[in-house]
Amino acid sequence: MRMKSKRSKACDISQKVRAIVTERDKWCIFCGRTGNHLCHLRPRSSGGLGIPENLVLGCFTCHMKLDQSEHRKEMLEFALNHLLKHYPDFNDEDRYYHK
């Protein structure tokens, strides 16, 4: 069995975090439809952590748009503003894994 790196573990989303984000957002924050996708504000590929302060709830369609469309910049700004309402003093650098 292969061991996960510390970074991989830090970027994973635990069941506890999944429950916190789902309870906090309830619906897709972008369109208001039922959402069951957790979207990283700062991507895992860049060391974005699996913490509530870095995740929002989205539907499949909006998650795809966030990841792969020309709307990414405005959607990220919307998501950041959403998270700032909940965590006003949170430092953006704390969304990233640091050795």
N, C-alpha and C. Protein backbone atom coordinates (compact mmCIF):
# COMPACT_ATOMS: atom_id res chain seq x y z
N MET A 1 0.84 -1.18 0.00
CA MET A 1 0.00 0.00 0.00
C MET A 1 0.88 1.25 0.00
N ARG A 2 0.54 2.19 -0.84
CA ARG A 2 1.33 3.40 -0.99
C ARG A 2 0.89 4.46 0.01
N MET A 3 1.86 5.10 0.64
CA MET A 3 1.58 6.16 1.61
C MET A 3 1.35 7.48 0.90
N LYS A 4 0.42 8.27 1.41
CA LYS A 4 0.19 9.60 0.86
C LYS A 4 1.20 10.57 1.44
N SER A 5 1.55 11.56 0.62
CA SER A 5 2.45 12.60 1.11
C SER A 5 1.70 13.51 2.08
N LYS A 6 2.44 14.28 2.86
CA LYS A 6 1.82 15.22 3.79
C LYS A 6 0.97 16.23 3.01
N ARG A 7 1.48 16.64 1.85
CA ARG A 7 0.73 17.61 1.04
C ARG A 7 -0.59 17.00 0.56
N SER A 8 -0.55 15.77 0.08
CA SER A 8 -1.79 15.12 -0.38
C SER A 8 -2.80 15.01 0.74
N LYS A 9 -2.34 14.64 1.92
CA LYS A 9 -3.23 14.53 3.08
C LYS A 9 -3.83 15.90 3.42
N ALA A 10 -3.03 16.94 3.37
CA ALA A 10 -3.49 18.29 3.72
C ALA A 10 -4.50 18.82 2.71
N CYS A 11 -4.38 18.40 1.45
CA CYS A 11 -5.27 18.89 0.40
C CYS A 11 -6.55 18.07 0.29
N ASP A 12 -6.55 16.86 0.87
CA ASP A 12 -7.76 16.03 0.88
C ASP A 12 -8.87 16.70 1.68
N ILE A 13 -10.09 16.34 1.38
CA ILE A 13 -11.25 16.89 2.08
C ILE A 13 -11.82 15.80 2.98
N SER A 14 -11.78 16.04 4.28
CA SER A 14 -12.29 15.06 5.23
C SER A 14 -13.82 15.10 5.26
N GLN A 15 -14.41 14.06 5.82
CA GLN A 15 -15.87 14.02 5.97
C GLN A 15 -16.36 15.17 6.86
N LYS A 16 -15.57 15.49 7.88
CA LYS A 16 -15.94 16.58 8.79
C LYS A 16 -15.99 17.91 8.03
N VAL A 17 -14.96 18.18 7.21
CA VAL A 17 -14.92 19.42 6.43
C VAL A 17 -16.06 19.43 5.40
N ARG A 18 -16.30 18.29 4.77
CA ARG A 18 -17.40 18.16 3.80
C ARG A 18 -18.73 18.55 4.46
N ALA A 19 -18.94 18.07 5.68
CA ALA A 19 -20.19 18.38 6.41
C ALA A 19 -20.27 19.86 6.76
N ILE A 20 -19.17 20.45 7.17
CA ILE A 20 -19.15 21.88 7.53
C ILE A 20 -19.51 22.74 6.32
N VAL A 21 -18.88 22.46 5.17
CA VAL A 21 -19.13 23.26 3.97
C VAL A 21 -20.56 23.07 3.47
N THR A 22 -21.04 21.84 3.50
CA THR A 22 -22.41 21.56 3.05
C THR A 22 -23.42 22.27 3.94
N GLU A 23 -23.21 22.25 5.23
CA GLU A 23 -24.11 22.95 6.16
C GLU A 23 -24.03 24.45 5.98
N ARG A 24 -22.84 24.97 5.78
CA ARG A 24 -22.65 26.41 5.63
C ARG A 24 -23.31 26.94 4.35
N ASP A 25 -23.09 26.26 3.23
CA ASP A 25 -23.55 26.79 1.94
C ASP A 25 -24.93 26.28 1.52
N LYS A 26 -25.27 25.07 1.86
CA LYS A 26 -26.55 24.43 1.58
C LYS A 26 -26.85 24.20 0.10
N TRP A 27 -26.58 25.15 -0.77
CA TRP A 27 -26.87 25.08 -2.21
C TRP A 27 -25.64 25.53 -2.98
N CYS A 28 -25.67 25.36 -4.28
CA CYS A 28 -24.61 25.89 -5.13
C CYS A 28 -24.54 27.40 -4.90
N ILE A 29 -23.38 27.90 -4.51
CA ILE A 29 -23.28 29.33 -4.21
C ILE A 29 -23.38 30.18 -5.48
N PHE A 30 -23.18 29.57 -6.64
CA PHE A 30 -23.18 30.32 -7.89
C PHE A 30 -24.57 30.47 -8.51
N CYS A 31 -25.35 29.39 -8.50
CA CYS A 31 -26.65 29.43 -9.19
C CYS A 31 -27.84 29.10 -8.28
N GLY A 32 -27.59 28.59 -7.08
CA GLY A 32 -28.66 28.30 -6.14
C GLY A 32 -29.30 26.93 -6.29
N ARG A 33 -28.84 26.15 -7.27
CA ARG A 33 -29.37 24.79 -7.42
C ARG A 33 -28.76 23.87 -6.38
N THR A 34 -29.29 22.67 -6.28
CA THR A 34 -28.73 21.67 -5.38
C THR A 34 -27.28 21.45 -5.75
N GLY A 35 -26.44 21.53 -4.75
CA GLY A 35 -25.01 21.36 -4.99
C GLY A 35 -24.45 20.22 -4.18
N ASN A 36 -23.62 19.42 -4.81
CA ASN A 36 -22.96 18.34 -4.07
C ASN A 36 -21.48 18.23 -4.45
N HIS A 37 -20.97 19.28 -5.08
CA HIS A 37 -19.55 19.31 -5.45
C HIS A 37 -18.84 20.33 -4.58
N LEU A 38 -17.74 19.92 -3.98
CA LEU A 38 -16.93 20.86 -3.21
C LEU A 38 -15.87 21.42 -4.15
N CYS A 39 -15.87 22.73 -4.28
CA CYS A 39 -14.97 23.43 -5.20
C CYS A 39 -13.88 24.12 -4.40
N HIS A 40 -12.63 23.86 -4.75
CA HIS A 40 -11.51 24.55 -4.12
C HIS A 40 -11.40 25.96 -4.69
N LEU A 41 -11.29 26.94 -3.82
CA LEU A 41 -11.02 28.30 -4.27
C LEU A 41 -9.58 28.35 -4.80
N ARG A 42 -8.66 27.86 -4.01
CA ARG A 42 -7.26 27.71 -4.44
C ARG A 42 -7.07 26.23 -4.75
N PRO A 43 -6.73 25.89 -5.98
CA PRO A 43 -6.74 24.49 -6.43
C PRO A 43 -5.76 23.58 -5.70
N ARG A 44 -6.16 22.33 -5.59
CA ARG A 44 -5.30 21.30 -4.99
C ARG A 44 -3.96 21.22 -5.70
N SER A 45 -3.98 21.38 -7.02
CA SER A 45 -2.74 21.27 -7.81
C SER A 45 -1.72 22.34 -7.42
N SER A 46 -2.18 23.42 -6.81
CA SER A 46 -1.29 24.49 -6.34
C SER A 46 -1.07 24.42 -4.84
N GLY A 47 -1.51 23.33 -4.23
CA GLY A 47 -1.35 23.18 -2.79
C GLY A 47 -2.52 23.74 -1.99
N GLY A 48 -3.67 23.94 -2.66
CA GLY A 48 -4.86 24.42 -1.97
C GLY A 48 -5.36 23.39 -0.98
N LEU A 49 -5.54 23.82 0.25
CA LEU A 49 -5.90 22.92 1.34
C LEU A 49 -7.38 22.52 1.30
N GLY A 50 -7.67 21.36 1.88
CA GLY A 50 -9.03 20.86 2.02
C GLY A 50 -9.66 21.36 3.31
N ILE A 51 -9.77 22.68 3.45
CA ILE A 51 -10.31 23.31 4.65
C ILE A 51 -11.55 24.12 4.28
N PRO A 52 -12.47 24.32 5.22
CA PRO A 52 -13.69 25.07 4.90
C PRO A 52 -13.41 26.46 4.32
N GLU A 53 -12.33 27.09 4.75
CA GLU A 53 -11.98 28.43 4.27
C GLU A 53 -11.50 28.45 2.83
N ASN A 54 -11.33 27.27 2.23
CA ASN A 54 -10.87 27.17 0.84
C ASN A 54 -11.87 26.44 -0.05
N LEU A 55 -13.04 26.14 0.48
CA LEU A 55 -14.01 25.34 -0.27
C LEU A 55 -15.38 26.00 -0.29
N VAL A 56 -16.07 25.84 -1.42
CA VAL A 56 -17.46 26.27 -1.54
C VAL A 56 -18.26 25.14 -2.16
N LEU A 57 -19.56 25.18 -1.95
CA LEU A 57 -20.44 24.17 -2.52
C LEU A 57 -20.90 24.63 -3.90
N GLY A 58 -20.84 23.73 -4.87
CA GLY A 58 -21.30 24.04 -6.22
C GLY A 58 -22.05 22.87 -6.81
N CYS A 59 -22.81 23.15 -7.85
CA CYS A 59 -23.45 22.07 -8.61
C CYS A 59 -22.43 21.58 -9.66
N PHE A 60 -22.74 20.50 -10.33
CA PHE A 60 -21.82 19.94 -11.32
C PHE A 60 -21.50 20.97 -12.41
N THR A 61 -22.53 21.62 -12.94
CA THR A 61 -22.35 22.57 -14.04
C THR A 61 -21.46 23.73 -13.64
N CYS A 62 -21.74 24.32 -12.47
CA CYS A 62 -20.94 25.47 -12.02
C CYS A 62 -19.52 25.05 -11.67
N HIS A 63 -19.36 23.85 -11.14
CA HIS A 63 -18.01 23.38 -10.83
C HIS A 63 -17.20 23.24 -12.12
N MET A 64 -17.82 22.72 -13.16
CA MET A 64 -17.14 22.59 -14.45
C MET A 64 -16.80 23.98 -15.01
N LYS A 65 -17.73 24.92 -14.90
CA LYS A 65 -17.47 26.29 -15.37
C LYS A 65 -16.31 26.91 -14.60
N LEU A 66 -16.31 26.70 -13.28
CA LEU A 66 -15.25 27.25 -12.44
C LEU A 66 -13.89 26.69 -12.86
N ASP A 67 -13.84 25.42 -13.17
CA ASP A 67 -12.58 24.77 -13.51
C ASP A 67 -12.15 24.98 -14.96
N GLN A 68 -13.12 25.14 -15.88
CA GLN A 68 -12.76 25.05 -17.29
C GLN A 68 -13.46 26.05 -18.20
N SER A 69 -13.64 27.28 -17.76
CA SER A 69 -14.30 28.21 -18.67
C SER A 69 -13.72 29.61 -18.56
N GLU A 70 -14.16 30.45 -19.46
CA GLU A 70 -13.72 31.83 -19.46
C GLU A 70 -14.33 32.62 -18.30
N HIS A 71 -15.24 32.00 -17.55
CA HIS A 71 -15.89 32.64 -16.40
C HIS A 71 -15.12 32.43 -15.09
N ARG A 72 -14.00 31.72 -15.16
CA ARG A 72 -13.25 31.34 -13.96
C ARG A 72 -12.92 32.54 -13.07
N LYS A 73 -12.38 33.59 -13.64
CA LYS A 73 -11.94 34.74 -12.85
C LYS A 73 -13.10 35.35 -12.06
N GLU A 74 -14.21 35.60 -12.72
CA GLU A 74 -15.36 36.20 -12.02
C GLU A 74 -15.98 35.24 -11.01
N MET A 75 -15.97 33.94 -11.30
CA MET A 75 -16.50 32.97 -10.36
C MET A 75 -15.61 32.85 -9.12
N LEU A 76 -14.29 32.90 -9.33
CA LEU A 76 -13.37 32.87 -8.18
C LEU A 76 -13.56 34.10 -7.30
N GLU A 77 -13.76 35.24 -7.92
CA GLU A 77 -13.99 36.46 -7.15
C GLU A 77 -15.29 36.36 -6.35
N PHE A 78 -16.33 35.82 -6.96
CA PHE A 78 -17.60 35.62 -6.28
C PHE A 78 -17.42 34.67 -5.09
N ALA A 79 -16.70 33.57 -5.32
CA ALA A 79 -16.46 32.58 -4.25
C ALA A 79 -15.64 33.19 -3.12
N LEU A 80 -14.63 33.97 -3.46
CA LEU A 80 -13.82 34.61 -2.44
C LEU A 80 -14.66 35.56 -1.60
N ASN A 81 -15.51 36.35 -2.23
CA ASN A 81 -16.39 37.26 -1.49
C ASN A 81 -17.35 36.49 -0.58
N HIS A 82 -17.83 35.35 -1.07
CA HIS A 82 -18.69 34.48 -0.26
C HIS A 82 -17.95 34.02 0.99
N LEU A 83 -16.71 33.56 0.81
CA LEU A 83 -15.93 33.07 1.95
C LEU A 83 -15.54 34.20 2.90
N LEU A 84 -15.29 35.38 2.37
CA LEU A 84 -14.95 36.52 3.22
C LEU A 84 -16.09 36.90 4.16
N LYS A 85 -17.33 36.65 3.74
CA LYS A 85 -18.49 36.91 4.62
C LYS A 85 -18.45 35.99 5.84
N HIS A 86 -17.95 34.78 5.64
CA HIS A 86 -17.91 33.79 6.72
C HIS A 86 -16.61 33.84 7.52
N TYR A 87 -15.53 34.21 6.87
CA TYR A 87 -14.21 34.22 7.50
C TYR A 87 -13.51 35.55 7.16
N PRO A 88 -14.00 36.66 7.71
CA PRO A 88 -13.50 37.99 7.29
C PRO A 88 -12.03 38.24 7.56
N ASP A 89 -11.45 37.59 8.54
CA ASP A 89 -10.05 37.84 8.88
C ASP A 89 -9.11 36.76 8.37
N PHE A 90 -9.60 35.88 7.51
CA PHE A 90 -8.78 34.77 7.03
C PHE A 90 -7.79 35.26 5.98
N ASN A 91 -6.54 34.86 6.15
CA ASN A 91 -5.46 35.24 5.23
C ASN A 91 -5.43 34.27 4.05
N ASP A 92 -5.44 34.79 2.84
CA ASP A 92 -5.45 33.95 1.65
C ASP A 92 -4.26 32.98 1.62
N GLU A 93 -3.12 33.35 2.10
CA GLU A 93 -1.94 32.48 2.12
C GLU A 93 -2.19 31.22 2.94
N ASP A 94 -3.11 31.30 3.90
CA ASP A 94 -3.41 30.14 4.74
C ASP A 94 -4.26 29.10 4.03
N ARG A 95 -4.63 29.36 2.79
CA ARG A 95 -5.36 28.38 1.98
C ARG A 95 -4.42 27.41 1.29
N TYR A 96 -3.12 27.66 1.39
CA TYR A 96 -2.11 26.86 0.70
C TYR A 96 -1.31 26.01 1.67
N TYR A 97 -0.88 24.86 1.18
CA TYR A 97 0.01 23.98 1.94
C TYR A 97 1.40 24.60 1.97
N HIS A 98 2.00 24.65 3.14
CA HIS A 98 3.38 25.12 3.29
C HIS A 98 4.16 24.05 4.03
N LYS A 99 5.34 23.75 3.55
CA LYS A 99 6.19 22.75 4.21
C LYS A 99 6.58 23.19 5.58
